[in-house]
């Protein structure tokens, strides 16, 4: 499994996940939408930690900078 996520992509995903979790915890987002956002938040956090996005691999996309 080769990493395909750049630093900016990983930071943005992590921040979005944290915001969604905080909104759910504070009761701003609730119900089915809240549960769906929490699931996506967990996926975003996991892919950010690993540095690999399966959807990027499917379409052949990479946000990671190439080394010379």
PDB file of N, CA and C in Angstrom:
ATOM      1  N   UNK A   1       0.856  -1.170   0.000  1.00  0.00           N
ATOM      2  CA  UNK A   1       0.000   0.000   0.000  1.00  0.00           C
ATOM      3  C   UNK A   1       0.899   1.229   0.000  1.00  0.00           C
ATOM      4  N   UNK A   2       0.841   1.980  -1.076  1.00  0.00           N
ATOM      5  CA  UNK A   2       1.663   3.160  -1.261  1.00  0.00           C
ATOM      6  C   UNK A   2       0.858   4.400  -0.874  1.00  0.00           C
ATOM      7  N   UNK A   3       1.466   5.321  -0.139  1.00  0.00           N
ATOM      8  CA  UNK A   3       0.737   6.519   0.269  1.00  0.00           C
ATOM      9  C   UNK A   3       0.395   7.375  -0.952  1.00  0.00           C
ATOM     10  N   UNK A   4      -0.788   7.968  -0.914  1.00  0.00           N
ATOM     11  CA  UNK A   4      -1.222   8.794  -2.029  1.00  0.00           C
ATOM     12  C   UNK A   4      -1.878  10.098  -1.571  1.00  0.00           C
ATOM     13  N   UNK A   5      -1.633  10.474  -0.316  1.00  0.00           N
ATOM     14  CA  UNK A   5      -2.202  11.702   0.226  1.00  0.00           C
ATOM     15  C   UNK A   5      -1.088  12.641   0.662  1.00  0.00           C
ATOM     16  N   UNK A   6      -1.194  13.890   0.237  1.00  0.00           N
ATOM     17  CA  UNK A   6      -0.229  14.899   0.621  1.00  0.00           C
ATOM     18  C   UNK A   6      -0.525  15.442   2.014  1.00  0.00           C
ATOM     19  N   UNK A   7       0.386  16.247   2.518  1.00  0.00           N
ATOM     20  CA  UNK A   7       0.253  16.795   3.864  1.00  0.00           C
ATOM     21  C   UNK A   7      -0.978  17.687   3.985  1.00  0.00           C
ATOM     22  N   UNK A   8      -1.197  18.562   3.023  1.00  0.00           N
ATOM     23  CA  UNK A   8      -2.349  19.465   3.082  1.00  0.00           C
ATOM     24  C   UNK A   8      -3.660  18.673   3.093  1.00  0.00           C
ATOM     25  N   UNK A   9      -3.752  17.651   2.280  1.00  0.00           N
ATOM     26  CA  UNK A   9      -4.940  16.807   2.222  1.00  0.00           C
ATOM     27  C   UNK A   9      -5.187  16.129   3.571  1.00  0.00           C
ATOM     28  N   UNK A  10      -4.132  15.636   4.171  1.00  0.00           N
ATOM     29  CA  UNK A  10      -4.264  14.956   5.462  1.00  0.00           C
ATOM     30  C   UNK A  10      -4.701  15.914   6.563  1.00  0.00           C
ATOM     31  N   UNK A  11      -4.159  17.129   6.561  1.00  0.00           N
ATOM     32  CA  UNK A  11      -4.525  18.121   7.577  1.00  0.00           C
ATOM     33  C   UNK A  11      -5.974  18.549   7.405  1.00  0.00           C
ATOM     34  N   UNK A  12      -6.399  18.798   6.176  1.00  0.00           N
ATOM     35  CA  UNK A  12      -7.777  19.217   5.923  1.00  0.00           C
ATOM     36  C   UNK A  12      -8.761  18.138   6.354  1.00  0.00           C
ATOM     37  N   UNK A  13      -8.467  16.894   6.026  1.00  0.00           N
ATOM     38  CA  UNK A  13      -9.352  15.786   6.431  1.00  0.00           C
ATOM     39  C   UNK A  13      -9.431  15.667   7.952  1.00  0.00           C
ATOM     40  N   UNK A  14      -8.299  15.815   8.614  1.00  0.00           N
ATOM     41  CA  UNK A  14      -8.278  15.724  10.078  1.00  0.00           C
ATOM     42  C   UNK A  14      -9.092  16.855  10.696  1.00  0.00           C
ATOM     43  N   UNK A  15      -8.920  18.069  10.210  1.00  0.00           N
ATOM     44  CA  UNK A  15      -9.678  19.204  10.744  1.00  0.00           C
ATOM     45  C   UNK A  15     -11.178  19.039  10.509  1.00  0.00           C
ATOM     46  N   UNK A  16     -11.572  18.595   9.320  1.00  0.00           N
ATOM     47  CA  UNK A  16     -12.992  18.363   9.042  1.00  0.00           C
ATOM     48  C   UNK A  16     -13.576  17.297   9.975  1.00  0.00           C
ATOM     49  N   UNK A  17     -12.815  16.255  10.215  1.00  0.00           N
ATOM     50  CA  UNK A  17     -13.280  15.185  11.100  1.00  0.00           C
ATOM     51  C   UNK A  17     -13.448  15.698  12.524  1.00  0.00           C
ATOM     52  N   UNK A  18     -12.495  16.492  12.991  1.00  0.00           N
ATOM     53  CA  UNK A  18     -12.578  17.026  14.356  1.00  0.00           C
ATOM     54  C   UNK A  18     -13.768  17.965  14.492  1.00  0.00           C
ATOM     55  N   UNK A  19     -13.993  18.809  13.501  1.00  0.00           N
ATOM     56  CA  UNK A  19     -15.141  19.725  13.541  1.00  0.00           C
ATOM     57  C   UNK A  19     -16.451  18.938  13.579  1.00  0.00           C
ATOM     58  N   UNK A  20     -16.576  17.921  12.751  1.00  0.00           N
ATOM     59  CA  UNK A  20     -17.804  17.115  12.731  1.00  0.00           C
ATOM     60  C   UNK A  20     -18.029  16.409  14.067  1.00  0.00           C
ATOM     61  N   UNK A  21     -16.972  15.891  14.662  1.00  0.00           N
ATOM     62  CA  UNK A  21     -17.092  15.207  15.954  1.00  0.00           C
ATOM     63  C   UNK A  21     -17.513  16.183  17.045  1.00  0.00           C
ATOM     64  N   UNK A  22     -16.922  17.375  17.047  1.00  0.00           N
ATOM     65  CA  UNK A  22     -17.277  18.391  18.047  1.00  0.00           C
ATOM     66  C   UNK A  22     -18.730  18.831  17.875  1.00  0.00           C
ATOM     67  N   UNK A  23     -19.156  19.042  16.626  1.00  0.00           N
ATOM     68  CA  UNK A  23     -20.544  19.426  16.379  1.00  0.00           C
ATOM     69  C   UNK A  23     -21.516  18.338  16.837  1.00  0.00           C
ATOM     70  N   UNK A  24     -21.175  17.090  16.613  1.00  0.00           N
ATOM     71  CA  UNK A  24     -22.022  15.983  17.060  1.00  0.00           C
ATOM     72  C   UNK A  24     -22.048  15.913  18.581  1.00  0.00           C
ATOM     73  N   UNK A  25     -20.891  16.052  19.203  1.00  0.00           N
ATOM     74  CA  UNK A  25     -20.787  15.971  20.661  1.00  0.00           C
ATOM     75  C   UNK A  25     -21.592  17.091  21.329  1.00  0.00           C
ATOM     76  N   UNK A  26     -21.590  18.284  20.749  1.00  0.00           N
ATOM     77  CA  UNK A  26     -22.310  19.420  21.319  1.00  0.00           C
ATOM     78  C   UNK A  26     -23.789  19.434  20.958  1.00  0.00           C
ATOM     79  N   UNK A  27     -24.241  18.497  20.148  1.00  0.00           N
ATOM     80  CA  UNK A  27     -25.652  18.377  19.822  1.00  0.00           C
ATOM     81  C   UNK A  27     -26.118  19.267  18.686  1.00  0.00           C
ATOM     82  N   UNK A  28     -25.197  19.922  18.008  1.00  0.00           N
ATOM     83  CA  UNK A  28     -25.574  20.761  16.866  1.00  0.00           C
ATOM     84  C   UNK A  28     -26.056  19.878  15.713  1.00  0.00           C
ATOM     85  N   UNK A  29     -25.356  18.775  15.495  1.00  0.00           N
ATOM     86  CA  UNK A  29     -25.748  17.800  14.481  1.00  0.00           C
ATOM     87  C   UNK A  29     -26.181  16.535  15.223  1.00  0.00           C
ATOM     88  N   UNK A  30     -27.343  16.027  14.889  1.00  0.00           N
ATOM     89  CA  UNK A  30     -27.837  14.841  15.597  1.00  0.00           C
ATOM     90  C   UNK A  30     -28.629  13.958  14.647  1.00  0.00           C
ATOM     91  N   UNK A  31     -29.079  12.845  15.133  1.00  0.00           N
ATOM     92  CA  UNK A  31     -29.884  11.929  14.335  1.00  0.00           C
ATOM     93  C   UNK A  31     -29.065  11.182  13.290  1.00  0.00           C
ATOM     94  N   UNK A  32     -29.731  10.833  12.219  1.00  0.00           N
ATOM     95  CA  UNK A  32     -29.106  10.056  11.151  1.00  0.00           C
ATOM     96  C   UNK A  32     -27.951  10.812  10.513  1.00  0.00           C
ATOM     97  N   UNK A  33     -28.130  12.103  10.268  1.00  0.00           N
ATOM     98  CA  UNK A  33     -27.060  12.914   9.681  1.00  0.00           C
ATOM     99  C   UNK A  33     -25.832  12.912  10.584  1.00  0.00           C
ATOM    100  N   UNK A  34     -26.046  13.008  11.877  1.00  0.00           N
ATOM    101  CA  UNK A  34     -24.934  12.992  12.819  1.00  0.00           C
ATOM    102  C   UNK A  34     -24.167  11.680  12.789  1.00  0.00           C
ATOM    103  N   UNK A  35     -24.882  10.586  12.722  1.00  0.00           N
ATOM    104  CA  UNK A  35     -24.238   9.274  12.676  1.00  0.00           C
ATOM    105  C   UNK A  35     -23.450   9.104  11.382  1.00  0.00           C
ATOM    106  N   UNK A  36     -24.034   9.553  10.274  1.00  0.00           N
ATOM    107  CA  UNK A  36     -23.332   9.459   8.986  1.00  0.00           C
ATOM    108  C   UNK A  36     -22.055  10.300   9.019  1.00  0.00           C
ATOM    109  N   UNK A  37     -22.130  11.502   9.573  1.00  0.00           N
ATOM    110  CA  UNK A  37     -20.949  12.358   9.662  1.00  0.00           C
ATOM    111  C   UNK A  37     -19.881  11.768  10.578  1.00  0.00           C
ATOM    112  N   UNK A  38     -20.285  11.113  11.639  1.00  0.00           N
ATOM    113  CA  UNK A  38     -19.310  10.470  12.530  1.00  0.00           C
ATOM    114  C   UNK A  38     -18.606   9.328  11.799  1.00  0.00           C
ATOM    115  N   UNK A  39     -19.354   8.553  11.026  1.00  0.00           N
ATOM    116  CA  UNK A  39     -18.745   7.461  10.256  1.00  0.00           C
ATOM    117  C   UNK A  39     -17.725   8.021   9.270  1.00  0.00           C
ATOM    118  N   UNK A  40     -18.105   9.075   8.539  1.00  0.00           N
ATOM    119  CA  UNK A  40     -17.163   9.696   7.610  1.00  0.00           C
ATOM    120  C   UNK A  40     -15.964  10.296   8.342  1.00  0.00           C
ATOM    121  N   UNK A  41     -16.198  10.834   9.528  1.00  0.00           N
ATOM    122  CA  UNK A  41     -15.106  11.407  10.314  1.00  0.00           C
ATOM    123  C   UNK A  41     -14.089  10.343  10.709  1.00  0.00           C
ATOM    124  N   UNK A  42     -14.581   9.187  11.110  1.00  0.00           N
ATOM    125  CA  UNK A  42     -13.674   8.087  11.471  1.00  0.00           C
ATOM    126  C   UNK A  42     -12.882   7.647  10.244  1.00  0.00           C
ATOM    127  N   UNK A  43     -13.555   7.549   9.102  1.00  0.00           N
ATOM    128  CA  UNK A  43     -12.859   7.173   7.861  1.00  0.00           C
ATOM    129  C   UNK A  43     -11.820   8.223   7.502  1.00  0.00           C
ATOM    130  N   UNK A  44     -12.179   9.505   7.606  1.00  0.00           N
ATOM    131  CA  UNK A  44     -11.224  10.581   7.312  1.00  0.00           C
ATOM    132  C   UNK A  44     -10.017  10.507   8.241  1.00  0.00           C
ATOM    133  N   UNK A  45     -10.254  10.272   9.538  1.00  0.00           N
ATOM    134  CA  UNK A  45      -9.135  10.191  10.481  1.00  0.00           C
ATOM    135  C   UNK A  45      -8.227   9.002  10.171  1.00  0.00           C
ATOM    136  N   UNK A  46      -8.820   7.865   9.869  1.00  0.00           N
ATOM    137  CA  UNK A  46      -8.012   6.678   9.564  1.00  0.00           C
ATOM    138  C   UNK A  46      -7.192   6.857   8.294  1.00  0.00           C
ATOM    139  N   UNK A  47      -7.812   7.387   7.254  1.00  0.00           N
ATOM    140  CA  UNK A  47      -7.064   7.583   6.013  1.00  0.00           C
ATOM    141  C   UNK A  47      -5.983   8.642   6.193  1.00  0.00           C
ATOM    142  N   UNK A  48      -6.233   9.643   7.020  1.00  0.00           N
ATOM    143  CA  UNK A  48      -5.218  10.662   7.282  1.00  0.00           C
ATOM    144  C   UNK A  48      -4.036  10.086   8.040  1.00  0.00           C
ATOM    145  N   UNK A  49      -4.305   9.231   9.002  1.00  0.00           N
ATOM    146  CA  UNK A  49      -3.219   8.622   9.774  1.00  0.00           C
ATOM    147  C   UNK A  49      -2.374   7.688   8.916  1.00  0.00           C
ATOM    148  N   UNK A  50      -3.016   6.940   8.040  1.00  0.00           N
ATOM    149  CA  UNK A  50      -2.313   5.982   7.196  1.00  0.00           C
ATOM    150  C   UNK A  50      -1.675   6.666   5.988  1.00  0.00           C
ATOM    151  N   UNK A  51      -2.326   7.732   5.489  1.00  0.00           N
ATOM    152  CA  UNK A  51      -1.809   8.431   4.316  1.00  0.00           C
ATOM    153  C   UNK A  51      -2.225   7.793   3.006  1.00  0.00           C
ATOM    154  N   UNK A  52      -3.215   6.934   3.054  1.00  0.00           N
ATOM    155  CA  UNK A  52      -3.681   6.229   1.858  1.00  0.00           C
ATOM    156  C   UNK A  52      -5.193   6.349   1.758  1.00  0.00           C
ATOM    157  N   UNK A  53      -5.685   6.780   0.598  1.00  0.00           N
ATOM    158  CA  UNK A  53      -7.118   6.874   0.347  1.00  0.00           C
ATOM    159  C   UNK A  53      -7.482   5.868  -0.749  1.00  0.00           C
ATOM    160  N   UNK A  54      -8.313   4.879  -0.435  1.00  0.00           N
ATOM    161  CA  UNK A  54      -8.693   3.884  -1.434  1.00  0.00           C
ATOM    162  C   UNK A  54      -9.409   4.484  -2.650  1.00  0.00           C
ATOM    163  N   UNK A  55     -10.207   5.526  -2.450  1.00  0.00           N
ATOM    164  CA  UNK A  55     -10.890   6.147  -3.586  1.00  0.00           C
ATOM    165  C   UNK A  55      -9.894   6.819  -4.527  1.00  0.00           C
ATOM    166  N   UNK A  56      -8.857   7.431  -3.958  1.00  0.00           N
ATOM    167  CA  UNK A  56      -7.815   8.025  -4.798  1.00  0.00           C
ATOM    168  C   UNK A  56      -7.137   6.940  -5.630  1.00  0.00           C
ATOM    169  N   UNK A  57      -6.893   5.792  -5.030  1.00  0.00           N
ATOM    170  CA  UNK A  57      -6.240   4.698  -5.742  1.00  0.00           C
ATOM    171  C   UNK A  57      -7.128   4.181  -6.883  1.00  0.00           C
ATOM    172  N   UNK A  58      -8.434   4.141  -6.651  1.00  0.00           N
ATOM    173  CA  UNK A  58      -9.360   3.675  -7.680  1.00  0.00           C
ATOM    174  C   UNK A  58      -9.326   4.539  -8.936  1.00  0.00           C
ATOM    175  N   UNK A  59      -9.241   5.848  -8.736  1.00  0.00           N
ATOM    176  CA  UNK A  59      -9.265   6.755  -9.886  1.00  0.00           C
ATOM    177  C   UNK A  59      -7.866   7.188 -10.321  1.00  0.00           C
ATOM    178  N   UNK A  60      -6.839   6.699  -9.638  1.00  0.00           N
ATOM    179  CA  UNK A  60      -5.468   7.015 -10.019  1.00  0.00           C
ATOM    180  C   UNK A  60      -5.019   8.407  -9.631  1.00  0.00           C
ATOM    181  N   UNK A  61      -5.587   8.939  -8.562  1.00  0.00           N
ATOM    182  CA  UNK A  61      -5.276  10.285  -8.105  1.00  0.00           C
ATOM    183  C   UNK A  61      -4.279  10.227  -6.958  1.00  0.00           C
ATOM    184  N   UNK A  62      -3.421  11.239  -6.878  1.00  0.00           N
ATOM    185  CA  UNK A  62      -2.467  11.349  -5.781  1.00  0.00           C
ATOM    186  C   UNK A  62      -2.234  12.820  -5.485  1.00  0.00           C
ATOM    187  N   UNK A  63      -2.338  13.203  -4.208  1.00  0.00           N
ATOM    188  CA  UNK A  63      -2.054  14.574  -3.821  1.00  0.00           C
ATOM    189  C   UNK A  63      -0.678  14.702  -3.185  1.00  0.00           C
ATOM    190  N   UNK A  64       0.035  13.617  -3.162  1.00  0.00           N
ATOM    191  CA  UNK A  64       1.378  13.610  -2.588  1.00  0.00           C
ATOM    192  C   UNK A  64       2.369  14.160  -3.623  1.00  0.00           C
ATOM    193  N   UNK A  65       3.267  15.020  -3.138  1.00  0.00           N
ATOM    194  CA  UNK A  65       4.275  15.599  -4.035  1.00  0.00           C
ATOM    195  C   UNK A  65       5.263  14.538  -4.462  1.00  0.00           C
ATOM    196  N   UNK A  66       5.687  14.638  -5.691  1.00  0.00           N
ATOM    197  CA  UNK A  66       6.665  13.702  -6.223  1.00  0.00           C
ATOM    198  C   UNK A  66       8.066  14.111  -5.782  1.00  0.00           C
ATOM    199  N   UNK A  67       8.885  13.144  -5.412  1.00  0.00           N
ATOM    200  CA  UNK A  67      10.287  13.412  -5.079  1.00  0.00           C
ATOM    201  C   UNK A  67      11.125  13.346  -6.325  1.00  0.00           C
ATOM    202  N   UNK A  68      12.160  14.145  -6.351  1.00  0.00           N
ATOM    203  CA  UNK A  68      13.065  14.146  -7.506  1.00  0.00           C
ATOM    204  C   UNK A  68      14.124  13.103  -7.383  1.00  0.00           C
TER     205      UNK A  68
END
